[in-house]
Amino acid sequence: MSGWTPERLELLKALHAQGLSFSAIARHLGGATRNACIGKARRAGCAVHEERKTVNRQTKAGRVLVAPPPPPAIEEPPLTLEDGAHVTGETLTRSHCRWPIGDPALADFHFCGRGLKPGSVYCPHHHGISYQPQPQKRRRIAA
C-alpha cells in the first residue's frame, strides 16, 4: 500500500459519505484492505457503525435487489367466551390458539383462543407471525 496521503484520506471520506461499503471503498482506492479502510475511517472520525442508506445495491448480474413490502398485518381480536371472558390458562384447551396476549404478571393476561391451524399450536394469523420462512442460501457454482 502506498500509504494514507491526504488525498486518499479525503477520497475515503467522500466515498464513505456517499454510502459505499468499506469493501467497495477498498477496491476503489486500490492497495487497501477493507479493514484498513475501516480503521482509517474510525481514526478520521467517520461514523463507522451508523446505519447508512445505500442506494440500489446490485448483484453481479446487474439486477437491482428490492425487498418486497411486507403484507399488512390484520390483527384479529382474541376469542371471547360465552361468559364474556378471554381464554386464560385455566380455560385453555387443545383447540385454542396459544398466542399470549399481554403481560403474564398482570391479571388481564390471556391467550388468543381462536381455532388452530392444522399442525400448529397457533391460529393461522399467529402461525404466520411466529414461523418465518428462512431465506434460501445461495450455492456457489464452480466455474
N, C-alpha and C. Protein backbone atom coordinates (compact mmCIF):
# COMPACT_ATOMS: atom_id res chain seq x y z
N MET A 1 0.85 -1.19 0.00
CA MET A 1 0.00 0.00 0.00
C MET A 1 0.88 1.23 0.00
N SER A 2 0.46 2.23 -0.71
CA SER A 2 1.28 3.42 -0.86
C SER A 2 1.16 4.38 0.32
N GLY A 3 0.31 4.10 1.30
CA GLY A 3 0.17 4.96 2.47
C GLY A 3 -1.07 5.84 2.38
N TRP A 4 -1.39 6.41 3.48
CA TRP A 4 -2.58 7.27 3.54
C TRP A 4 -2.17 8.72 3.34
N THR A 5 -2.19 9.13 2.09
CA THR A 5 -1.90 10.52 1.78
C THR A 5 -3.16 11.34 2.09
N PRO A 6 -3.03 12.64 2.23
CA PRO A 6 -4.22 13.46 2.47
C PRO A 6 -5.27 13.31 1.37
N GLU A 7 -4.82 13.13 0.12
CA GLU A 7 -5.77 12.96 -0.97
C GLU A 7 -6.55 11.66 -0.85
N ARG A 8 -5.84 10.57 -0.50
CA ARG A 8 -6.52 9.28 -0.33
C ARG A 8 -7.48 9.32 0.86
N LEU A 9 -7.10 10.02 1.92
CA LEU A 9 -7.97 10.13 3.08
C LEU A 9 -9.24 10.91 2.73
N GLU A 10 -9.10 11.99 1.96
CA GLU A 10 -10.27 12.76 1.55
C GLU A 10 -11.17 11.93 0.63
N LEU A 11 -10.56 11.12 -0.24
CA LEU A 11 -11.34 10.26 -1.12
C LEU A 11 -12.08 9.21 -0.29
N LEU A 12 -11.43 8.64 0.72
CA LEU A 12 -12.09 7.68 1.60
C LEU A 12 -13.29 8.32 2.28
N LYS A 13 -13.11 9.52 2.81
CA LYS A 13 -14.22 10.22 3.47
C LYS A 13 -15.36 10.49 2.50
N ALA A 14 -15.03 10.91 1.28
CA ALA A 14 -16.06 11.23 0.29
C ALA A 14 -16.83 9.98 -0.11
N LEU A 15 -16.12 8.87 -0.34
CA LEU A 15 -16.79 7.63 -0.72
C LEU A 15 -17.65 7.09 0.43
N HIS A 16 -17.16 7.24 1.66
CA HIS A 16 -17.93 6.80 2.83
C HIS A 16 -19.20 7.65 2.97
N ALA A 17 -19.09 8.95 2.71
CA ALA A 17 -20.26 9.84 2.80
C ALA A 17 -21.29 9.51 1.73
N GLN A 18 -20.85 8.95 0.60
CA GLN A 18 -21.78 8.57 -0.46
C GLN A 18 -22.53 7.28 -0.14
N GLY A 19 -22.07 6.57 0.91
CA GLY A 19 -22.77 5.36 1.31
C GLY A 19 -22.16 4.08 0.78
N LEU A 20 -20.97 4.14 0.20
CA LEU A 20 -20.33 2.92 -0.29
C LEU A 20 -19.89 2.06 0.88
N SER A 21 -19.88 0.74 0.66
CA SER A 21 -19.39 -0.17 1.69
C SER A 21 -17.87 -0.04 1.76
N PHE A 22 -17.30 -0.49 2.86
CA PHE A 22 -15.86 -0.40 3.01
C PHE A 22 -15.15 -1.34 2.03
N SER A 23 -15.80 -2.43 1.65
CA SER A 23 -15.21 -3.30 0.62
C SER A 23 -15.12 -2.56 -0.70
N ALA A 24 -16.17 -1.84 -1.06
CA ALA A 24 -16.17 -1.08 -2.31
C ALA A 24 -15.16 0.06 -2.26
N ILE A 25 -15.04 0.70 -1.11
CA ILE A 25 -14.06 1.77 -0.96
C ILE A 25 -12.65 1.23 -1.13
N ALA A 26 -12.38 0.06 -0.53
CA ALA A 26 -11.04 -0.54 -0.64
C ALA A 26 -10.73 -0.88 -2.09
N ARG A 27 -11.71 -1.43 -2.81
CA ARG A 27 -11.49 -1.74 -4.23
C ARG A 27 -11.23 -0.46 -5.02
N HIS A 28 -11.97 0.60 -4.70
CA HIS A 28 -11.81 1.85 -5.43
C HIS A 28 -10.45 2.49 -5.16
N LEU A 29 -10.02 2.45 -3.91
CA LEU A 29 -8.73 3.05 -3.57
C LEU A 29 -7.58 2.23 -4.13
N GLY A 30 -7.73 0.91 -4.12
CA GLY A 30 -6.65 0.04 -4.58
C GLY A 30 -5.50 0.04 -3.59
N GLY A 31 -4.97 -1.13 -3.30
CA GLY A 31 -3.85 -1.23 -2.38
C GLY A 31 -4.25 -1.10 -0.92
N ALA A 32 -5.53 -1.12 -0.60
CA ALA A 32 -6.00 -1.02 0.77
C ALA A 32 -7.00 -2.15 1.01
N THR A 33 -6.99 -2.68 2.22
CA THR A 33 -7.96 -3.71 2.56
C THR A 33 -9.20 -3.06 3.17
N ARG A 34 -10.25 -3.83 3.25
CA ARG A 34 -11.49 -3.37 3.88
C ARG A 34 -11.23 -2.96 5.32
N ASN A 35 -10.49 -3.80 6.05
CA ASN A 35 -10.22 -3.49 7.46
C ASN A 35 -9.34 -2.25 7.62
N ALA A 36 -8.41 -2.04 6.68
CA ALA A 36 -7.57 -0.84 6.74
C ALA A 36 -8.44 0.41 6.55
N CYS A 37 -9.40 0.31 5.65
CA CYS A 37 -10.30 1.44 5.40
C CYS A 37 -11.19 1.71 6.62
N ILE A 38 -11.67 0.65 7.26
CA ILE A 38 -12.49 0.82 8.46
C ILE A 38 -11.67 1.49 9.56
N GLY A 39 -10.46 1.00 9.78
CA GLY A 39 -9.61 1.58 10.82
C GLY A 39 -9.27 3.04 10.55
N LYS A 40 -8.94 3.36 9.30
CA LYS A 40 -8.61 4.74 8.97
C LYS A 40 -9.83 5.64 9.10
N ALA A 41 -11.01 5.14 8.69
CA ALA A 41 -12.23 5.93 8.81
C ALA A 41 -12.55 6.19 10.29
N ARG A 42 -12.35 5.18 11.12
CA ARG A 42 -12.60 5.34 12.56
C ARG A 42 -11.64 6.38 13.15
N ARG A 43 -10.37 6.29 12.79
CA ARG A 43 -9.39 7.26 13.32
C ARG A 43 -9.64 8.67 12.78
N ALA A 44 -10.24 8.75 11.58
CA ALA A 44 -10.54 10.06 10.98
C ALA A 44 -11.83 10.66 11.52
N GLY A 45 -12.54 9.90 12.36
CA GLY A 45 -13.75 10.43 12.98
C GLY A 45 -15.04 10.15 12.22
N CYS A 46 -14.98 9.27 11.20
CA CYS A 46 -16.20 8.91 10.48
C CYS A 46 -17.02 7.95 11.33
N ALA A 47 -18.32 8.06 11.25
CA ALA A 47 -19.21 7.16 11.98
C ALA A 47 -19.22 5.82 11.25
N VAL A 48 -18.45 4.86 11.74
CA VAL A 48 -18.26 3.60 11.05
C VAL A 48 -19.47 2.69 11.19
N HIS A 49 -20.09 2.63 12.37
CA HIS A 49 -21.16 1.66 12.60
C HIS A 49 -22.56 2.25 12.49
N GLU A 50 -22.68 3.47 12.04
CA GLU A 50 -24.02 4.04 11.92
C GLU A 50 -24.75 3.39 10.75
N GLU A 51 -26.05 3.41 10.84
CA GLU A 51 -26.89 2.84 9.77
C GLU A 51 -26.84 3.79 8.59
N ARG A 52 -26.28 3.32 7.49
CA ARG A 52 -26.20 4.14 6.30
C ARG A 52 -27.15 3.59 5.26
N LYS A 53 -27.80 4.46 4.52
CA LYS A 53 -28.70 4.04 3.47
C LYS A 53 -27.90 3.94 2.18
N THR A 54 -27.82 2.75 1.65
CA THR A 54 -27.12 2.59 0.39
C THR A 54 -28.15 2.63 -0.73
N VAL A 55 -27.73 3.15 -1.84
CA VAL A 55 -28.63 3.35 -2.96
C VAL A 55 -28.55 2.14 -3.89
N ASN A 56 -29.67 1.47 -4.10
CA ASN A 56 -29.82 0.39 -5.07
C ASN A 56 -28.61 -0.55 -5.14
N ARG A 57 -28.48 -1.39 -4.16
CA ARG A 57 -27.42 -2.40 -4.23
C ARG A 57 -27.72 -3.31 -5.41
N GLN A 58 -26.70 -3.71 -6.10
CA GLN A 58 -26.90 -4.53 -7.28
C GLN A 58 -26.15 -5.84 -7.15
N THR A 59 -26.66 -6.86 -7.83
CA THR A 59 -25.98 -8.14 -7.87
C THR A 59 -24.96 -8.10 -8.98
N LYS A 60 -24.19 -9.17 -9.10
CA LYS A 60 -23.20 -9.22 -10.16
C LYS A 60 -23.86 -9.22 -11.54
N ALA A 61 -25.08 -9.73 -11.61
CA ALA A 61 -25.79 -9.74 -12.90
C ALA A 61 -26.37 -8.38 -13.25
N GLY A 62 -26.31 -7.41 -12.34
CA GLY A 62 -26.78 -6.07 -12.61
C GLY A 62 -28.22 -5.83 -12.23
N ARG A 63 -28.89 -6.81 -11.64
CA ARG A 63 -30.28 -6.63 -11.24
C ARG A 63 -30.34 -5.88 -9.91
N VAL A 64 -31.29 -5.04 -9.76
CA VAL A 64 -31.46 -4.29 -8.52
C VAL A 64 -32.21 -5.16 -7.54
N LEU A 65 -31.68 -5.28 -6.32
CA LEU A 65 -32.33 -6.06 -5.28
C LEU A 65 -33.27 -5.15 -4.51
N VAL A 66 -34.55 -5.46 -4.56
CA VAL A 66 -35.55 -4.67 -3.86
C VAL A 66 -36.36 -5.62 -3.00
N ALA A 67 -36.42 -5.35 -1.72
CA ALA A 67 -37.21 -6.18 -0.82
C ALA A 67 -38.68 -5.83 -1.00
N PRO A 68 -39.52 -6.86 -1.16
CA PRO A 68 -40.95 -6.57 -1.31
C PRO A 68 -41.52 -6.05 0.00
N PRO A 69 -42.49 -5.16 -0.06
CA PRO A 69 -43.07 -4.64 1.18
C PRO A 69 -43.81 -5.76 1.91
N PRO A 70 -43.73 -5.78 3.24
CA PRO A 70 -44.43 -6.83 3.97
C PRO A 70 -45.94 -6.66 3.85
N PRO A 71 -46.67 -7.76 3.84
CA PRO A 71 -48.12 -7.62 3.74
C PRO A 71 -48.67 -6.98 5.01
N PRO A 72 -49.76 -6.23 4.88
CA PRO A 72 -50.30 -5.59 6.07
C PRO A 72 -50.81 -6.63 7.05
N ALA A 73 -50.49 -6.42 8.32
CA ALA A 73 -50.92 -7.35 9.36
C ALA A 73 -52.36 -7.06 9.73
N ILE A 74 -53.18 -8.08 9.63
CA ILE A 74 -54.58 -7.93 10.02
C ILE A 74 -54.73 -8.64 11.35
N GLU A 75 -54.79 -7.89 12.38
CA GLU A 75 -54.89 -8.45 13.73
C GLU A 75 -56.35 -8.73 14.05
N GLU A 76 -56.62 -9.99 14.36
CA GLU A 76 -57.96 -10.36 14.76
C GLU A 76 -58.06 -10.25 16.28
N PRO A 77 -59.21 -9.84 16.77
CA PRO A 77 -59.35 -9.75 18.22
C PRO A 77 -59.36 -11.15 18.83
N PRO A 78 -58.89 -11.29 20.06
CA PRO A 78 -58.89 -12.60 20.69
C PRO A 78 -60.31 -13.11 20.90
N LEU A 79 -60.43 -14.42 21.01
CA LEU A 79 -61.72 -15.06 21.21
C LEU A 79 -62.30 -14.68 22.56
N THR A 80 -63.59 -14.42 22.57
CA THR A 80 -64.30 -14.15 23.81
C THR A 80 -65.24 -15.32 24.09
N LEU A 81 -65.16 -15.86 25.29
CA LEU A 81 -66.00 -17.00 25.66
C LEU A 81 -67.44 -16.55 25.90
N GLU A 82 -68.34 -17.53 26.11
CA GLU A 82 -69.76 -17.20 26.30
C GLU A 82 -70.00 -16.27 27.48
N ASP A 83 -69.16 -16.40 28.52
CA ASP A 83 -69.34 -15.54 29.70
C ASP A 83 -68.69 -14.17 29.54
N GLY A 84 -68.14 -13.87 28.35
CA GLY A 84 -67.54 -12.56 28.11
C GLY A 84 -66.06 -12.48 28.46
N ALA A 85 -65.50 -13.55 29.03
CA ALA A 85 -64.09 -13.54 29.41
C ALA A 85 -63.22 -14.03 28.25
N HIS A 86 -61.94 -13.77 28.36
CA HIS A 86 -60.98 -14.26 27.37
C HIS A 86 -60.48 -15.63 27.81
N VAL A 87 -59.78 -16.31 26.89
CA VAL A 87 -59.21 -17.62 27.19
C VAL A 87 -57.98 -17.42 28.07
N THR A 88 -58.01 -17.99 29.26
CA THR A 88 -56.89 -17.91 30.20
C THR A 88 -56.24 -19.28 30.32
N GLY A 89 -55.22 -19.38 31.13
CA GLY A 89 -54.55 -20.66 31.35
C GLY A 89 -55.49 -21.71 31.90
N GLU A 90 -56.50 -21.30 32.64
CA GLU A 90 -57.45 -22.24 33.22
C GLU A 90 -58.48 -22.73 32.21
N THR A 91 -58.81 -21.91 31.20
CA THR A 91 -59.83 -22.28 30.22
C THR A 91 -59.23 -22.70 28.88
N LEU A 92 -57.92 -22.71 28.76
CA LEU A 92 -57.23 -23.07 27.52
C LEU A 92 -57.38 -24.56 27.24
N THR A 93 -57.77 -24.91 26.02
CA THR A 93 -57.89 -26.31 25.62
C THR A 93 -56.99 -26.57 24.42
N ARG A 94 -56.95 -27.82 23.97
CA ARG A 94 -56.11 -28.18 22.82
C ARG A 94 -56.57 -27.51 21.53
N SER A 95 -57.79 -27.07 21.47
CA SER A 95 -58.30 -26.47 20.25
C SER A 95 -58.15 -24.95 20.21
N HIS A 96 -57.54 -24.35 21.24
CA HIS A 96 -57.36 -22.90 21.29
C HIS A 96 -55.95 -22.49 20.86
N CYS A 97 -55.88 -21.34 20.21
CA CYS A 97 -54.59 -20.75 19.85
C CYS A 97 -53.88 -20.34 21.14
N ARG A 98 -52.61 -20.68 21.25
CA ARG A 98 -51.85 -20.42 22.47
C ARG A 98 -51.01 -19.14 22.40
N TRP A 99 -51.34 -18.24 21.49
CA TRP A 99 -50.60 -16.98 21.36
C TRP A 99 -50.88 -16.11 22.59
N PRO A 100 -49.83 -15.76 23.36
CA PRO A 100 -50.06 -14.97 24.58
C PRO A 100 -50.35 -13.52 24.25
N ILE A 101 -51.26 -12.94 25.01
CA ILE A 101 -51.63 -11.53 24.84
C ILE A 101 -51.49 -10.85 26.19
N GLY A 102 -50.65 -9.83 26.23
CA GLY A 102 -50.45 -9.08 27.47
C GLY A 102 -49.27 -9.59 28.28
N ASP A 103 -49.13 -9.04 29.46
CA ASP A 103 -48.04 -9.36 30.37
C ASP A 103 -48.49 -10.48 31.30
N PRO A 104 -47.75 -11.60 31.37
CA PRO A 104 -48.16 -12.71 32.24
C PRO A 104 -48.23 -12.33 33.72
N ALA A 105 -47.57 -11.27 34.11
CA ALA A 105 -47.59 -10.86 35.50
C ALA A 105 -48.86 -10.09 35.87
N LEU A 106 -49.63 -9.67 34.88
CA LEU A 106 -50.83 -8.89 35.15
C LEU A 106 -52.09 -9.76 35.11
N ALA A 107 -53.13 -9.26 35.72
CA ALA A 107 -54.38 -10.03 35.84
C ALA A 107 -55.11 -10.18 34.50
N ASP A 108 -54.91 -9.25 33.57
CA ASP A 108 -55.66 -9.34 32.31
C ASP A 108 -54.93 -10.17 31.24
N PHE A 109 -53.90 -10.92 31.60
CA PHE A 109 -53.18 -11.77 30.67
C PHE A 109 -54.10 -12.88 30.16
N HIS A 110 -54.07 -13.12 28.83
CA HIS A 110 -54.89 -14.17 28.26
C HIS A 110 -54.25 -14.67 26.97
N PHE A 111 -54.92 -15.60 26.31
CA PHE A 111 -54.44 -16.17 25.06
C PHE A 111 -55.40 -15.80 23.93
N CYS A 112 -54.93 -15.96 22.70
CA CYS A 112 -55.78 -15.64 21.54
C CYS A 112 -57.05 -16.48 21.57
N GLY A 113 -56.90 -17.80 21.64
CA GLY A 113 -58.05 -18.68 21.77
C GLY A 113 -58.77 -19.02 20.49
N ARG A 114 -58.38 -18.46 19.35
CA ARG A 114 -59.07 -18.78 18.09
C ARG A 114 -58.75 -20.21 17.67
N GLY A 115 -59.38 -20.67 16.60
CA GLY A 115 -59.16 -22.02 16.09
C GLY A 115 -57.75 -22.21 15.56
N LEU A 116 -57.22 -23.42 15.69
CA LEU A 116 -55.84 -23.72 15.32
C LEU A 116 -55.68 -23.97 13.83
N LYS A 117 -54.49 -23.63 13.35
CA LYS A 117 -54.10 -24.05 12.01
C LYS A 117 -53.67 -25.51 12.14
N PRO A 118 -54.05 -26.38 11.21
CA PRO A 118 -53.66 -27.79 11.32
C PRO A 118 -52.15 -27.96 11.47
N GLY A 119 -51.75 -28.73 12.47
CA GLY A 119 -50.33 -28.99 12.71
C GLY A 119 -49.61 -27.90 13.48
N SER A 120 -50.34 -26.95 14.03
CA SER A 120 -49.73 -25.84 14.76
C SER A 120 -50.44 -25.64 16.09
N VAL A 121 -49.79 -24.92 16.98
CA VAL A 121 -50.43 -24.56 18.25
C VAL A 121 -51.01 -23.15 18.19
N TYR A 122 -50.94 -22.52 16.99
CA TYR A 122 -51.44 -21.17 16.81
C TYR A 122 -52.51 -21.13 15.72
N CYS A 123 -53.31 -20.07 15.75
CA CYS A 123 -54.27 -19.84 14.68
C CYS A 123 -53.50 -19.47 13.41
N PRO A 124 -54.13 -19.47 12.24
CA PRO A 124 -53.40 -19.14 11.01
C PRO A 124 -52.67 -17.79 11.07
N HIS A 125 -53.29 -16.78 11.67
CA HIS A 125 -52.65 -15.46 11.75
C HIS A 125 -51.38 -15.52 12.60
N HIS A 126 -51.46 -16.06 13.79
CA HIS A 126 -50.30 -16.09 14.68
C HIS A 126 -49.25 -17.10 14.23
N HIS A 127 -49.67 -18.14 13.52
CA HIS A 127 -48.71 -19.06 12.95
C HIS A 127 -47.84 -18.33 11.92
N GLY A 128 -48.48 -17.48 11.12
CA GLY A 128 -47.74 -16.71 10.11
C GLY A 128 -46.76 -15.74 10.72
N ILE A 129 -47.06 -15.24 11.92
CA ILE A 129 -46.15 -14.33 12.60
C ILE A 129 -44.98 -15.08 13.22
N SER A 130 -45.28 -16.22 13.84
CA SER A 130 -44.26 -16.91 14.63
C SER A 130 -43.31 -17.75 13.80
N TYR A 131 -43.74 -18.27 12.68
CA TYR A 131 -42.89 -19.12 11.86
C TYR A 131 -42.56 -18.42 10.57
N GLN A 132 -41.43 -17.73 10.55
CA GLN A 132 -40.99 -17.02 9.35
C GLN A 132 -40.12 -17.94 8.52
N PRO A 133 -40.36 -18.01 7.21
CA PRO A 133 -39.53 -18.88 6.37
C PRO A 133 -38.10 -18.36 6.33
N GLN A 134 -37.15 -19.28 6.35
CA GLN A 134 -35.75 -18.93 6.27
C GLN A 134 -35.38 -18.70 4.80
N PRO A 135 -34.57 -17.67 4.54
CA PRO A 135 -34.18 -17.42 3.15
C PRO A 135 -33.31 -18.57 2.63
N GLN A 136 -33.45 -18.85 1.35
CA GLN A 136 -32.65 -19.89 0.73
C GLN A 136 -31.21 -19.42 0.63
N LYS A 137 -30.27 -20.30 1.00
CA LYS A 137 -28.86 -19.96 0.84
C LYS A 137 -28.48 -20.16 -0.61
N ARG A 138 -27.73 -19.22 -1.12
CA ARG A 138 -27.29 -19.32 -2.50
C ARG A 138 -26.06 -20.23 -2.55
N ARG A 139 -26.12 -21.19 -3.46
CA ARG A 139 -24.97 -22.07 -3.64
C ARG A 139 -24.08 -21.49 -4.72
N ARG A 140 -22.81 -21.54 -4.45
CA ARG A 140 -21.86 -21.08 -5.46
C ARG A 140 -21.66 -22.17 -6.51
N ILE A 141 -21.67 -21.77 -7.72
CA ILE A 141 -21.47 -22.69 -8.82
C ILE A 141 -19.99 -22.64 -9.22
N ALA A 142 -19.37 -23.83 -9.18
CA ALA A 142 -17.95 -23.89 -9.53
C ALA A 142 -17.77 -23.54 -10.99
N ALA A 143 -16.87 -22.61 -11.25
CA ALA A 143 -16.65 -22.18 -12.64
C ALA A 143 -15.55 -22.96 -13.28
